[in-house]
Amino acid sequence: MKRGINIGDHFENTYDPNEEFINPVKDWYYDAIVNLGFDHVRLPVRWSIWTDDENNFKIKENFFNEVEKTVKRFLDCGLEVILNVHHFREAMDKPLENSEKLYAIWEQVGERFASYPDELIFEVMNEPTWRTTDDEWNAVQAQAVKVIRKTNPTRRIEVCGIDYSGLVALDRLVLPETDNLIATFHFYDPFEFTHQGAEWSPTMKDASGIRWLGTDDEKEYIKARIIAHAKHFSRTHNNIEMNLGEFGAYSKCADVNDRAKWTRCVREVCEELGYSWTYWEFNRGFGIYTPEGKLNKEIADALLSD
């Protein structure tokens, strides 16, 4: 696992669980991802809105089937797949209060995919927030890993710290007591550049015109940040495998060339350190494609050309 892409804003979007679920992953995605040269995908899944909470949090079968078909098709293309729990909003803020549901989800997902090949990787949960504590999240994550291990004793599992899978939070992450772990983190620094114009951000929705020129100082800032936390964490934990699970700059950034320079810099720092990376994302606001299938060549080159 080296170079990957998130299938973002698809299975983790809000849908009406009372209606038939229409698989949002299009047929053209598969060949496009392989032909560009990616070797893995991350499939964010919002399981939490597709459970019957009065029936032991049973995941609705029509949704489960579509997730499984998509995972299988990516695997059949020769790609590795990171499958996670995404946008479980209640658990992101209060994991202790919502741990029973999180464990139930992983019990079902673990059983369903237990026979799948090693190329399928599990990620416990996306972006626990700063509203929880390190101790709470470390305890819940460790128990979730135990649940997964009951049916998947050797599968690779990605774990993260709080503060939205933050880089600095790695310093306070306590690893579960098991083998085959990958530590993952997200990186969007400087946030005022990467998220300018982001409609969902109260602080950034009106921001514009912020540049990232790729100066030596700007590049050194990114490298120093990642080394200070991710490299330090890996070194102090027997060189655990590291994955940058999300990074990207929003399409409303002032200049696409600024986005490309920032993207290339982050990617090259990770590759220099030997970390796999998974770009956010395929064909939405940060995408290397438009929803209609037009390639953003500048971003694609920044990710994949030497």
Foldseek 3Di string as FASTA:
>chain_A
DFEAFEPPPFQQPDDDLVDQDDHPDDPVVQVVRVVLPGAAYEYEHQQQVQFDPVPQRHGDPRSVVSVVVVCVVNVVSNHQYEYEHEPPPVCLQPVVVCLSNLLSVLLVVLQVCLPPDLSYEYESYFANAPNDDQVRQLVSSLVSVVSSCVRRVAHAYEYAAHHRSAQQRLVSHDDHPHPRYEYEGEDEPPVLQQCACPCVDPVRVPGADDAQDLDPVSLVVLLCSCCVGVVVSCVVVVNHAYEHEEYFGFPRYHDVLRRLSVLLSNSVSCVVVPHHYYYHHDADGRHCAHPVGHGVVSNSCSRRPD
